[in-house]
All heavy atoms as atom14 arrays in JSON, in Angstrom:
{
  "sequence": "IQALYFSAHHAMLDEEERIQREENGEEENVEASVPLDPDNLDDKDGAV",
  "atom14_mask": [
    [1, 1, 1, 1, 1, 1, 1, 1, 0, 0, 0, 0, 0, 0],
    [1, 1, 1, 1, 1, 1, 1, 1, 1, 0, 0, 0, 0, 0],
    [1, 1, 1, 1, 1, 0, 0, 0, 0, 0, 0, 0, 0, 0],
    [1, 1, 1, 1, 1, 1, 1, 1, 0, 0, 0, 0, 0, 0],
    [1, 1, 1, 1, 1, 1, 1, 1, 1, 1, 1, 1, 0, 0],
    [1, 1, 1, 1, 1, 1, 1, 1, 1, 1, 1, 0, 0, 0],
    [1, 1, 1, 1, 1, 1, 0, 0, 0, 0, 0, 0, 0, 0],
    [1, 1, 1, 1, 1, 0, 0, 0, 0, 0, 0, 0, 0, 0],
    [1, 1, 1, 1, 1, 1, 1, 1, 1, 1, 0, 0, 0, 0],
    [1, 1, 1, 1, 1, 1, 1, 1, 1, 1, 0, 0, 0, 0],
    [1, 1, 1, 1, 1, 0, 0, 0, 0, 0, 0, 0, 0, 0],
    [1, 1, 1, 1, 1, 1, 1, 1, 0, 0, 0, 0, 0, 0],
    [1, 1, 1, 1, 1, 1, 1, 1, 0, 0, 0, 0, 0, 0],
    [1, 1, 1, 1, 1, 1, 1, 1, 0, 0, 0, 0, 0, 0],
    [1, 1, 1, 1, 1, 1, 1, 1, 1, 0, 0, 0, 0, 0],
    [1, 1, 1, 1, 1, 1, 1, 1, 1, 0, 0, 0, 0, 0],
    [1, 1, 1, 1, 1, 1, 1, 1, 1, 0, 0, 0, 0, 0],
    [1, 1, 1, 1, 1, 1, 1, 1, 1, 1, 1, 0, 0, 0],
    [1, 1, 1, 1, 1, 1, 1, 1, 0, 0, 0, 0, 0, 0],
    [1, 1, 1, 1, 1, 1, 1, 1, 1, 0, 0, 0, 0, 0],
    [1, 1, 1, 1, 1, 1, 1, 1, 1, 1, 1, 0, 0, 0],
    [1, 1, 1, 1, 1, 1, 1, 1, 1, 0, 0, 0, 0, 0],
    [1, 1, 1, 1, 1, 1, 1, 1, 1, 0, 0, 0, 0, 0],
    [1, 1, 1, 1, 1, 1, 1, 1, 0, 0, 0, 0, 0, 0],
    [1, 1, 1, 1, 0, 0, 0, 0, 0, 0, 0, 0, 0, 0],
    [1, 1, 1, 1, 1, 1, 1, 1, 1, 0, 0, 0, 0, 0],
    [1, 1, 1, 1, 1, 1, 1, 1, 1, 0, 0, 0, 0, 0],
    [1, 1, 1, 1, 1, 1, 1, 1, 1, 0, 0, 0, 0, 0],
    [1, 1, 1, 1, 1, 1, 1, 1, 0, 0, 0, 0, 0, 0],
    [1, 1, 1, 1, 1, 1, 1, 0, 0, 0, 0, 0, 0, 0],
    [1, 1, 1, 1, 1, 1, 1, 1, 1, 0, 0, 0, 0, 0],
    [1, 1, 1, 1, 1, 0, 0, 0, 0, 0, 0, 0, 0, 0],
    [1, 1, 1, 1, 1, 1, 0, 0, 0, 0, 0, 0, 0, 0],
    [1, 1, 1, 1, 1, 1, 1, 0, 0, 0, 0, 0, 0, 0],
    [1, 1, 1, 1, 1, 1, 1, 0, 0, 0, 0, 0, 0, 0],
    [1, 1, 1, 1, 1, 1, 1, 1, 0, 0, 0, 0, 0, 0],
    [1, 1, 1, 1, 1, 1, 1, 1, 0, 0, 0, 0, 0, 0],
    [1, 1, 1, 1, 1, 1, 1, 0, 0, 0, 0, 0, 0, 0],
    [1, 1, 1, 1, 1, 1, 1, 1, 0, 0, 0, 0, 0, 0],
    [1, 1, 1, 1, 1, 1, 1, 1, 0, 0, 0, 0, 0, 0],
    [1, 1, 1, 1, 1, 1, 1, 1, 0, 0, 0, 0, 0, 0],
    [1, 1, 1, 1, 1, 1, 1, 1, 0, 0, 0, 0, 0, 0],
    [1, 1, 1, 1, 1, 1, 1, 1, 0, 0, 0, 0, 0, 0],
    [1, 1, 1, 1, 1, 1, 1, 1, 1, 0, 0, 0, 0, 0],
    [1, 1, 1, 1, 1, 1, 1, 1, 0, 0, 0, 0, 0, 0],
    [1, 1, 1, 1, 0, 0, 0, 0, 0, 0, 0, 0, 0, 0],
    [1, 1, 1, 1, 1, 0, 0, 0, 0, 0, 0, 0, 0, 0],
    [1, 1, 1, 1, 1, 1, 1, 0, 0, 0, 0, 0, 0, 0]
  ],
  "atom14_positions": [
    [[0.85, -1.2, 0.01], [0.0, -0.01, 0.0], [0.86, 1.25, 0.02], [0.59, 2.23, -0.72], [-0.95, 0.0, 1.2], [-2.02, -1.11, 1.07], [-1.63, 1.36, 1.39], [-2.91, -1.31, 2.27], [0.0, 0.0, 0.0], [0.0, 0.0, 0.0], [0.0, 0.0, 0.0], [0.0, 0.0, 0.0], [0.0, 0.0, 0.0], [0.0, 0.0, 0.0]],
    [[1.96, 1.23, 0.8], [2.86, 2.4, 0.83], [3.52, 2.6, -0.52], [3.63, 3.74, -0.98], [3.96, 2.17, 1.93], [3.36, 2.14, 3.31], [4.41, 1.6, 4.33], [5.34, 0.89, 3.95], [4.18, 1.9, 5.6], [0.0, 0.0, 0.0], [0.0, 0.0, 0.0], [0.0, 0.0, 0.0], [0.0, 0.0, 0.0], [0.0, 0.0, 0.0]],
    [[3.91, 1.51, -1.17], [4.55, 1.6, -2.46], [3.57, 2.14, -3.54], [3.93, 2.93, -4.38], [5.13, 0.26, -2.88], [0.0, 0.0, 0.0], [0.0, 0.0, 0.0], [0.0, 0.0, 0.0], [0.0, 0.0, 0.0], [0.0, 0.0, 0.0], [0.0, 0.0, 0.0], [0.0, 0.0, 0.0], [0.0, 0.0, 0.0], [0.0, 0.0, 0.0]],
    [[2.35, 1.64, -3.45], [1.34, 2.06, -4.43], [1.02, 3.53, -4.28], [0.81, 4.26, -5.24], [0.05, 1.23, -4.26], [0.08, -0.17, -4.85], [-1.13, -0.94, -4.39], [0.16, -0.14, -6.33], [0.0, 0.0, 0.0], [0.0, 0.0, 0.0], [0.0, 0.0, 0.0], [0.0, 0.0, 0.0], [0.0, 0.0, 0.0], [0.0, 0.0, 0.0]],
    [[0.98, 4.0, -3.04], [0.77, 5.44, -2.81], [1.87, 6.27, -3.45], [1.59, 7.24, -4.18], [0.69, 5.77, -1.33], [0.66, 7.25, -1.07], [-0.47, 7.97, -1.31], [1.8, 7.92, -0.65], [-0.53, 9.34, -1.13], [1.77, 9.29, -0.46], [0.6, 10.0, -0.7], [0.6, 11.36, -0.53], [0.0, 0.0, 0.0], [0.0, 0.0, 0.0]],
    [[3.09, 5.88, -3.24], [4.24, 6.62, -3.81], [4.17, 6.67, -5.33], [4.32, 7.68, -5.95], [5.55, 5.97, -3.35], [6.77, 6.7, -3.77], [7.26, 7.76, -3.05], [7.49, 6.31, -4.9], [8.39, 8.48, -3.42], [8.66, 6.97, -5.28], [9.1, 8.08, -4.57], [0.0, 0.0, 0.0], [0.0, 0.0, 0.0], [0.0, 0.0, 0.0]],
    [[3.89, 5.49, -5.94], [3.87, 5.44, -7.39], [2.68, 6.18, -7.97], [2.78, 6.84, -8.97], [3.87, 3.97, -7.9], [2.75, 3.3, -7.43], [0.0, 0.0, 0.0], [0.0, 0.0, 0.0], [0.0, 0.0, 0.0], [0.0, 0.0, 0.0], [0.0, 0.0, 0.0], [0.0, 0.0, 0.0], [0.0, 0.0, 0.0], [0.0, 0.0, 0.0]],
    [[1.54, 6.06, -7.31], [0.29, 6.75, -7.82], [0.5, 8.24, -7.67], [0.01, 9.01, -8.59], [-0.89, 6.32, -7.0], [0.0, 0.0, 0.0], [0.0, 0.0, 0.0], [0.0, 0.0, 0.0], [0.0, 0.0, 0.0], [0.0, 0.0, 0.0], [0.0, 0.0, 0.0], [0.0, 0.0, 0.0], [0.0, 0.0, 0.0], [0.0, 0.0, 0.0]],
    [[1.16, 8.67, -6.63], [1.4, 10.11, -6.43], [2.16, 10.67, -7.61], [1.81, 11.69, -8.21], [2.17, 10.31, -5.13], [2.68, 11.69, -4.91], [1.88, 12.69, -4.4], [3.89, 12.25, -5.19], [2.63, 13.83, -4.33], [3.85, 13.56, -4.78], [0.0, 0.0, 0.0], [0.0, 0.0, 0.0], [0.0, 0.0, 0.0], [0.0, 0.0, 0.0]],
    [[3.24, 9.99, -8.03], [4.07, 10.52, -9.1], [3.41, 10.32, -10.43], [3.69, 11.1, -11.37], [5.45, 9.88, -9.02], [6.27, 10.38, -7.85], [6.95, 11.59, -7.88], [6.47, 9.89, -6.64], [7.55, 11.82, -6.76], [7.27, 10.83, -5.94], [0.0, 0.0, 0.0], [0.0, 0.0, 0.0], [0.0, 0.0, 0.0], [0.0, 0.0, 0.0]],
    [[2.6, 9.29, -10.6], [1.85, 9.13, -11.82], [0.91, 10.29, -12.02], [0.75, 10.79, -13.16], [1.11, 7.8, -11.8], [0.0, 0.0, 0.0], [0.0, 0.0, 0.0], [0.0, 0.0, 0.0], [0.0, 0.0, 0.0], [0.0, 0.0, 0.0], [0.0, 0.0, 0.0], [0.0, 0.0, 0.0], [0.0, 0.0, 0.0], [0.0, 0.0, 0.0]],
    [[0.28, 10.73, -10.94], [-0.6, 11.89, -11.02], [0.19, 13.19, -11.34], [-0.35, 14.05, -12.05], [-1.4, 12.03, -9.7], [-2.49, 11.02, -9.54], [-3.78, 11.15, -10.81], [-4.45, 12.77, -10.45], [0.0, 0.0, 0.0], [0.0, 0.0, 0.0], [0.0, 0.0, 0.0], [0.0, 0.0, 0.0], [0.0, 0.0, 0.0], [0.0, 0.0, 0.0]],
    [[1.35, 13.32, -10.81], [2.18, 14.47, -11.12], [2.51, 14.5, -12.62], [2.45, 15.57, -13.26], [3.48, 14.47, -10.32], [3.38, 14.7, -8.83], [4.77, 14.63, -8.18], [2.73, 16.05, -8.5], [0.0, 0.0, 0.0], [0.0, 0.0, 0.0], [0.0, 0.0, 0.0], [0.0, 0.0, 0.0], [0.0, 0.0, 0.0], [0.0, 0.0, 0.0]],
    [[2.81, 13.34, -13.18], [3.06, 13.26, -14.63], [1.82, 13.65, -15.42], [1.92, 14.35, -16.43], [3.49, 11.83, -15.03], [4.94, 11.58, -14.64], [5.72, 12.52, -14.54], [5.27, 10.38, -14.48], [0.0, 0.0, 0.0], [0.0, 0.0, 0.0], [0.0, 0.0, 0.0], [0.0, 0.0, 0.0], [0.0, 0.0, 0.0], [0.0, 0.0, 0.0]],
    [[0.64, 13.18, -14.94], [-0.58, 13.49, -15.65], [-0.9, 14.96, -15.57], [-1.36, 15.58, -16.55], [-1.73, 12.66, -15.02], [-3.09, 12.84, -15.72], [-3.13, 12.43, -17.14], [-2.17, 11.7, -17.61], [-4.07, 12.79, -17.86], [0.0, 0.0, 0.0], [0.0, 0.0, 0.0], [0.0, 0.0, 0.0], [0.0, 0.0, 0.0], [0.0, 0.0, 0.0]],
    [[-0.64, 15.56, -14.4], [-0.86, 17.01, -14.25], [0.02, 17.8, -15.18], [-0.4, 18.8, -15.78], [-0.67, 17.43, -12.79], [-1.79, 17.05, -11.87], [-1.57, 17.68, -10.49], [-0.48, 18.11, -10.18], [-2.52, 17.7, -9.72], [0.0, 0.0, 0.0], [0.0, 0.0, 0.0], [0.0, 0.0, 0.0], [0.0, 0.0, 0.0], [0.0, 0.0, 0.0]],
    [[1.28, 17.37, -15.32], [2.22, 18.07, -16.22], [1.71, 17.97, -17.69], [1.8, 18.92, -18.45], [3.62, 17.48, -16.11], [4.31, 17.83, -14.84], [5.73, 17.29, -14.77], [6.16, 16.66, -15.78], [6.39, 17.45, -13.72], [0.0, 0.0, 0.0], [0.0, 0.0, 0.0], [0.0, 0.0, 0.0], [0.0, 0.0, 0.0], [0.0, 0.0, 0.0]],
    [[1.22, 16.77, -18.03], [0.75, 16.57, -19.41], [-0.47, 17.47, -19.7], [-0.54, 18.09, -20.74], [0.33, 15.1, -19.59], [-0.07, 14.76, -21.01], [-0.65, 13.34, -21.1], [-1.89, 13.25, -20.4], [-3.08, 13.69, -20.85], [-3.15, 14.26, -22.06], [-4.18, 13.58, -20.15], [0.0, 0.0, 0.0], [0.0, 0.0, 0.0], [0.0, 0.0, 0.0]],
    [[-1.39, 17.53, -18.74], [-2.59, 18.37, -18.92], [-2.19, 19.83, -19.01], [-2.74, 20.58, -19.83], [-3.59, 18.13, -17.75], [-4.15, 16.73, -17.82], [-4.7, 19.17, -17.79], [-5.04, 16.36, -16.63], [0.0, 0.0, 0.0], [0.0, 0.0, 0.0], [0.0, 0.0, 0.0], [0.0, 0.0, 0.0], [0.0, 0.0, 0.0], [0.0, 0.0, 0.0]],
    [[-1.23, 20.27, -18.18], [-0.79, 21.64, -18.22], [-0.13, 22.01, -19.56], [-0.35, 23.08, -20.06], [0.2, 21.9, -17.08], [0.58, 23.35, -16.87], [1.41, 23.62, -15.68], [1.86, 22.69, -15.05], [1.57, 24.88, -15.34], [0.0, 0.0, 0.0], [0.0, 0.0, 0.0], [0.0, 0.0, 0.0], [0.0, 0.0, 0.0], [0.0, 0.0, 0.0]],
    [[0.62, 21.06, -20.09], [1.24, 21.31, -21.42], [0.19, 21.46, -22.51], [0.28, 22.32, -23.38], [2.2, 20.16, -21.74], [3.53, 20.19, -21.03], [4.53, 19.26, -21.67], [4.09, 17.88, -21.71], [4.29, 17.02, -20.77], [4.99, 17.38, -19.67], [3.85, 15.77, -20.85], [0.0, 0.0, 0.0], [0.0, 0.0, 0.0], [0.0, 0.0, 0.0]],
    [[-0.86, 20.6, -22.41], [-1.9, 20.73, -23.39], [-2.65, 22.04, -23.27], [-2.99, 22.62, -24.27], [-2.9, 19.55, -23.19], [-2.35, 18.16, -23.63], [-3.37, 17.09, -23.45], [-4.42, 17.33, -22.88], [-3.07, 15.92, -23.88], [0.0, 0.0, 0.0], [0.0, 0.0, 0.0], [0.0, 0.0, 0.0], [0.0, 0.0, 0.0], [0.0, 0.0, 0.0]],
    [[-2.93, 22.48, -22.04], [-3.62, 23.74, -21.87], [-2.79, 24.96, -22.32], [-3.32, 25.94, -22.81], [-3.97, 23.91, -20.37], [-5.02, 22.99, -19.89], [-5.3, 23.1, -18.41], [-4.51, 23.79, -17.73], [-6.31, 22.53, -17.87], [0.0, 0.0, 0.0], [0.0, 0.0, 0.0], [0.0, 0.0, 0.0], [0.0, 0.0, 0.0], [0.0, 0.0, 0.0]],
    [[-1.45, 24.79, -22.24], [-0.56, 25.89, -22.71], [-0.25, 25.78, -24.17], [0.52, 26.61, -24.7], [0.72, 25.85, -21.89], [0.52, 26.16, -20.43], [-0.47, 26.86, -20.07], [1.41, 25.73, -19.56], [0.0, 0.0, 0.0], [0.0, 0.0, 0.0], [0.0, 0.0, 0.0], [0.0, 0.0, 0.0], [0.0, 0.0, 0.0], [0.0, 0.0, 0.0]],
    [[-0.79, 24.73, -24.84], [-0.57, 24.59, -26.24], [0.84, 24.08, -26.61], [1.3, 24.24, -27.73], [0.0, 0.0, 0.0], [0.0, 0.0, 0.0], [0.0, 0.0, 0.0], [0.0, 0.0, 0.0], [0.0, 0.0, 0.0], [0.0, 0.0, 0.0], [0.0, 0.0, 0.0], [0.0, 0.0, 0.0], [0.0, 0.0, 0.0], [0.0, 0.0, 0.0]],
    [[1.52, 23.49, -25.61], [2.85, 22.96, -25.84], [2.78, 21.59, -26.5], [1.82, 20.86, -26.34], [3.61, 22.87, -24.55], [3.8, 24.2, -23.83], [4.44, 24.1, -22.48], [4.88, 22.97, -22.17], [4.49, 25.07, -21.7], [0.0, 0.0, 0.0], [0.0, 0.0, 0.0], [0.0, 0.0, 0.0], [0.0, 0.0, 0.0], [0.0, 0.0, 0.0]],
    [[3.81, 21.23, -27.26], [3.9, 19.91, -27.85], [4.13, 18.86, -26.8], [4.76, 19.13, -25.78], [5.0, 19.86, -28.94], [4.75, 20.77, -30.11], [5.81, 20.61, -31.18], [6.73, 19.75, -30.97], [5.76, 21.36, -32.15], [0.0, 0.0, 0.0], [0.0, 0.0, 0.0], [0.0, 0.0, 0.0], [0.0, 0.0, 0.0], [0.0, 0.0, 0.0]],
    [[3.7, 17.62, -27.1], [3.91, 16.54, -26.15], [5.35, 16.08, -26.25], [5.77, 15.36, -27.14], [3.0, 15.4, -26.54], [3.04, 14.18, -25.63], [2.45, 14.49, -24.23], [1.66, 15.44, -24.16], [2.8, 13.78, -23.29], [0.0, 0.0, 0.0], [0.0, 0.0, 0.0], [0.0, 0.0, 0.0], [0.0, 0.0, 0.0], [0.0, 0.0, 0.0]],
    [[6.16, 16.62, -25.33], [7.61, 16.3, -25.32], [8.03, 16.14, -23.87], [8.44, 17.08, -23.21], [8.42, 17.43, -26.0], [9.88, 17.1, -26.05], [10.29, 16.0, -25.74], [10.67, 18.11, -26.5], [0.0, 0.0, 0.0], [0.0, 0.0, 0.0], [0.0, 0.0, 0.0], [0.0, 0.0, 0.0], [0.0, 0.0, 0.0], [0.0, 0.0, 0.0]],
    [[7.94, 14.9, -23.42], [8.23, 14.68, -21.99], [9.68, 14.92, -21.69], [10.03, 15.16, -20.54], [7.82, 13.24, -21.59], [6.34, 13.03, -21.69], [8.57, 12.17, -22.43], [0.0, 0.0, 0.0], [0.0, 0.0, 0.0], [0.0, 0.0, 0.0], [0.0, 0.0, 0.0], [0.0, 0.0, 0.0], [0.0, 0.0, 0.0], [0.0, 0.0, 0.0]],
    [[10.57, 14.8, -22.68], [11.99, 15.01, -22.43], [12.27, 16.48, -22.05], [13.28, 16.77, -21.44], [12.81, 14.66, -23.67], [12.69, 13.16, -24.1], [13.25, 12.28, -23.03], [14.13, 12.68, -22.24], [12.78, 11.1, -22.96], [0.0, 0.0, 0.0], [0.0, 0.0, 0.0], [0.0, 0.0, 0.0], [0.0, 0.0, 0.0], [0.0, 0.0, 0.0]],
    [[11.31, 17.35, -22.43], [11.52, 18.81, -22.11], [10.96, 19.16, -20.78], [10.96, 20.32, -20.37], [10.82, 19.64, -23.2], [0.0, 0.0, 0.0], [0.0, 0.0, 0.0], [0.0, 0.0, 0.0], [0.0, 0.0, 0.0], [0.0, 0.0, 0.0], [0.0, 0.0, 0.0], [0.0, 0.0, 0.0], [0.0, 0.0, 0.0], [0.0, 0.0, 0.0]],
    [[10.47, 18.17, -20.02], [9.89, 18.47, -18.69], [11.01, 19.03, -17.79], [12.14, 18.69, -17.88], [9.34, 17.17, -18.06], [8.32, 16.68, -18.86], [0.0, 0.0, 0.0], [0.0, 0.0, 0.0], [0.0, 0.0, 0.0], [0.0, 0.0, 0.0], [0.0, 0.0, 0.0], [0.0, 0.0, 0.0], [0.0, 0.0, 0.0], [0.0, 0.0, 0.0]],
    [[10.61, 19.89, -16.85], [11.55, 20.46, -15.92], [12.0, 19.35, -14.97], [11.16, 18.68, -14.36], [10.9, 21.62, -15.1], [11.88, 22.14, -14.08], [10.43, 22.69, -16.04], [0.0, 0.0, 0.0], [0.0, 0.0, 0.0], [0.0, 0.0, 0.0], [0.0, 0.0, 0.0], [0.0, 0.0, 0.0], [0.0, 0.0, 0.0], [0.0, 0.0, 0.0]],
    [[13.33, 19.13, -14.82], [13.81, 18.08, -13.92], [13.35, 18.31, -12.48], [13.19, 19.44, -12.05], [15.33, 18.17, -14.05], [15.55, 18.91, -15.36], [14.43, 19.83, -15.48], [0.0, 0.0, 0.0], [0.0, 0.0, 0.0], [0.0, 0.0, 0.0], [0.0, 0.0, 0.0], [0.0, 0.0, 0.0], [0.0, 0.0, 0.0], [0.0, 0.0, 0.0]],
    [[13.2, 17.24, -11.77], [12.76, 17.31, -10.38], [13.91, 17.78, -9.52], [15.07, 17.45, -9.75], [12.28, 15.94, -9.88], [10.98, 15.41, -10.48], [10.79, 14.01, -10.03], [9.83, 16.26, -10.1], [0.0, 0.0, 0.0], [0.0, 0.0, 0.0], [0.0, 0.0, 0.0], [0.0, 0.0, 0.0], [0.0, 0.0, 0.0], [0.0, 0.0, 0.0]],
    [[13.62, 18.57, -8.49], [14.6, 19.01, -7.51], [14.37, 18.17, -6.26], [13.42, 18.39, -5.55], [14.45, 20.49, -7.21], [15.46, 20.95, -6.17], [16.27, 20.13, -5.74], [15.44, 22.15, -5.83], [0.0, 0.0, 0.0], [0.0, 0.0, 0.0], [0.0, 0.0, 0.0], [0.0, 0.0, 0.0], [0.0, 0.0, 0.0], [0.0, 0.0, 0.0]],
    [[15.26, 17.18, -6.0], [14.99, 16.31, -4.82], [14.99, 17.03, -3.54], [14.36, 16.56, -2.56], [16.18, 15.31, -4.88], [17.22, 16.01, -5.71], [16.46, 16.83, -6.69], [0.0, 0.0, 0.0], [0.0, 0.0, 0.0], [0.0, 0.0, 0.0], [0.0, 0.0, 0.0], [0.0, 0.0, 0.0], [0.0, 0.0, 0.0], [0.0, 0.0, 0.0]],
    [[15.65, 18.19, -3.4], [15.67, 18.93, -2.15], [14.34, 19.64, -1.88], [14.02, 20.0, -0.74], [16.76, 20.0, -2.18], [18.14, 19.38, -2.2], [18.32, 18.28, -1.64], [19.07, 19.97, -2.81], [0.0, 0.0, 0.0], [0.0, 0.0, 0.0], [0.0, 0.0, 0.0], [0.0, 0.0, 0.0], [0.0, 0.0, 0.0], [0.0, 0.0, 0.0]],
    [[13.51, 19.77, -2.91], [12.23, 20.44, -2.73], [11.04, 19.49, -3.08], [9.93, 19.94, -3.29], [12.12, 21.67, -3.63], [13.13, 22.73, -3.22], [13.29, 23.01, -2.05], [13.83, 23.3, -4.18], [0.0, 0.0, 0.0], [0.0, 0.0, 0.0], [0.0, 0.0, 0.0], [0.0, 0.0, 0.0], [0.0, 0.0, 0.0], [0.0, 0.0, 0.0]],
    [[11.36, 18.22, -3.16], [10.34, 17.25, -3.53], [9.79, 16.58, -2.28], [10.49, 15.87, -1.6], [10.93, 16.22, -4.46], [9.93, 15.18, -5.04], [8.85, 15.85, -5.85], [10.68, 14.18, -5.92], [0.0, 0.0, 0.0], [0.0, 0.0, 0.0], [0.0, 0.0, 0.0], [0.0, 0.0, 0.0], [0.0, 0.0, 0.0], [0.0, 0.0, 0.0]],
    [[8.55, 16.84, -1.93], [7.92, 16.26, -0.74], [6.79, 15.37, -1.19], [5.79, 15.8, -1.75], [7.37, 17.37, 0.15], [6.88, 16.82, 1.51], [6.88, 15.59, 1.65], [6.46, 17.67, 2.34], [0.0, 0.0, 0.0], [0.0, 0.0, 0.0], [0.0, 0.0, 0.0], [0.0, 0.0, 0.0], [0.0, 0.0, 0.0], [0.0, 0.0, 0.0]],
    [[6.93, 14.1, -0.92], [5.94, 13.11, -1.34], [4.62, 13.3, -0.62], [3.62, 12.8, -1.05], [6.5, 11.68, -1.09], [5.57, 10.63, -1.61], [5.14, 10.77, -2.75], [5.33, 9.68, -0.85], [0.0, 0.0, 0.0], [0.0, 0.0, 0.0], [0.0, 0.0, 0.0], [0.0, 0.0, 0.0], [0.0, 0.0, 0.0], [0.0, 0.0, 0.0]],
    [[4.62, 14.05, 0.48], [3.35, 14.21, 1.27], [2.45, 15.26, 0.63], [1.28, 15.34, 0.94], [3.69, 14.58, 2.7], [4.43, 13.46, 3.46], [4.7, 13.91, 4.91], [5.46, 12.82, 5.63], [5.82, 13.21, 7.02], [0.0, 0.0, 0.0], [0.0, 0.0, 0.0], [0.0, 0.0, 0.0], [0.0, 0.0, 0.0], [0.0, 0.0, 0.0]],
    [[3.03, 16.12, -0.22], [2.24, 17.19, -0.86], [2.05, 16.89, -2.32], [2.92, 17.11, -3.11], [2.98, 18.54, -0.66], [3.17, 18.87, 0.79], [2.29, 18.54, 1.57], [4.21, 19.49, 1.1], [0.0, 0.0, 0.0], [0.0, 0.0, 0.0], [0.0, 0.0, 0.0], [0.0, 0.0, 0.0], [0.0, 0.0, 0.0], [0.0, 0.0, 0.0]],
    [[0.94, 16.34, -2.69], [0.72, 15.93, -4.07], [-0.75, 15.9, -4.39], [-1.61, 16.19, -3.6], [0.0, 0.0, 0.0], [0.0, 0.0, 0.0], [0.0, 0.0, 0.0], [0.0, 0.0, 0.0], [0.0, 0.0, 0.0], [0.0, 0.0, 0.0], [0.0, 0.0, 0.0], [0.0, 0.0, 0.0], [0.0, 0.0, 0.0], [0.0, 0.0, 0.0]],
    [[-1.03, 15.46, -5.62], [-2.38, 15.48, -6.12], [-3.19, 14.3, -5.6], [-4.41, 14.27, -5.66], [-2.35, 15.46, -7.64], [0.0, 0.0, 0.0], [0.0, 0.0, 0.0], [0.0, 0.0, 0.0], [0.0, 0.0, 0.0], [0.0, 0.0, 0.0], [0.0, 0.0, 0.0], [0.0, 0.0, 0.0], [0.0, 0.0, 0.0], [0.0, 0.0, 0.0]],
    [[-2.5, 13.25, -5.11], [-3.22, 12.07, -4.64], [-3.45, 12.13, -3.14], [-2.58, 12.4, -2.38], [-2.38, 10.82, -4.95], [-3.14, 9.56, -4.45], [-2.14, 10.71, -6.46], [0.0, 0.0, 0.0], [0.0, 0.0, 0.0], [0.0, 0.0, 0.0], [0.0, 0.0, 0.0], [0.0, 0.0, 0.0], [0.0, 0.0, 0.0], [0.0, 0.0, 0.0]]
  ]
}
């Protein structure tokens, strides 16, 4: 359950980024995503 929460959290972050790119009219290019900053990445604060 703990592992599923972690993976679902980040899957939702990916989906939010994809939706935001579509709303901004950007091309679907996941390689251009802003890299994560591990020092500011808190798994407790997310969309899930």
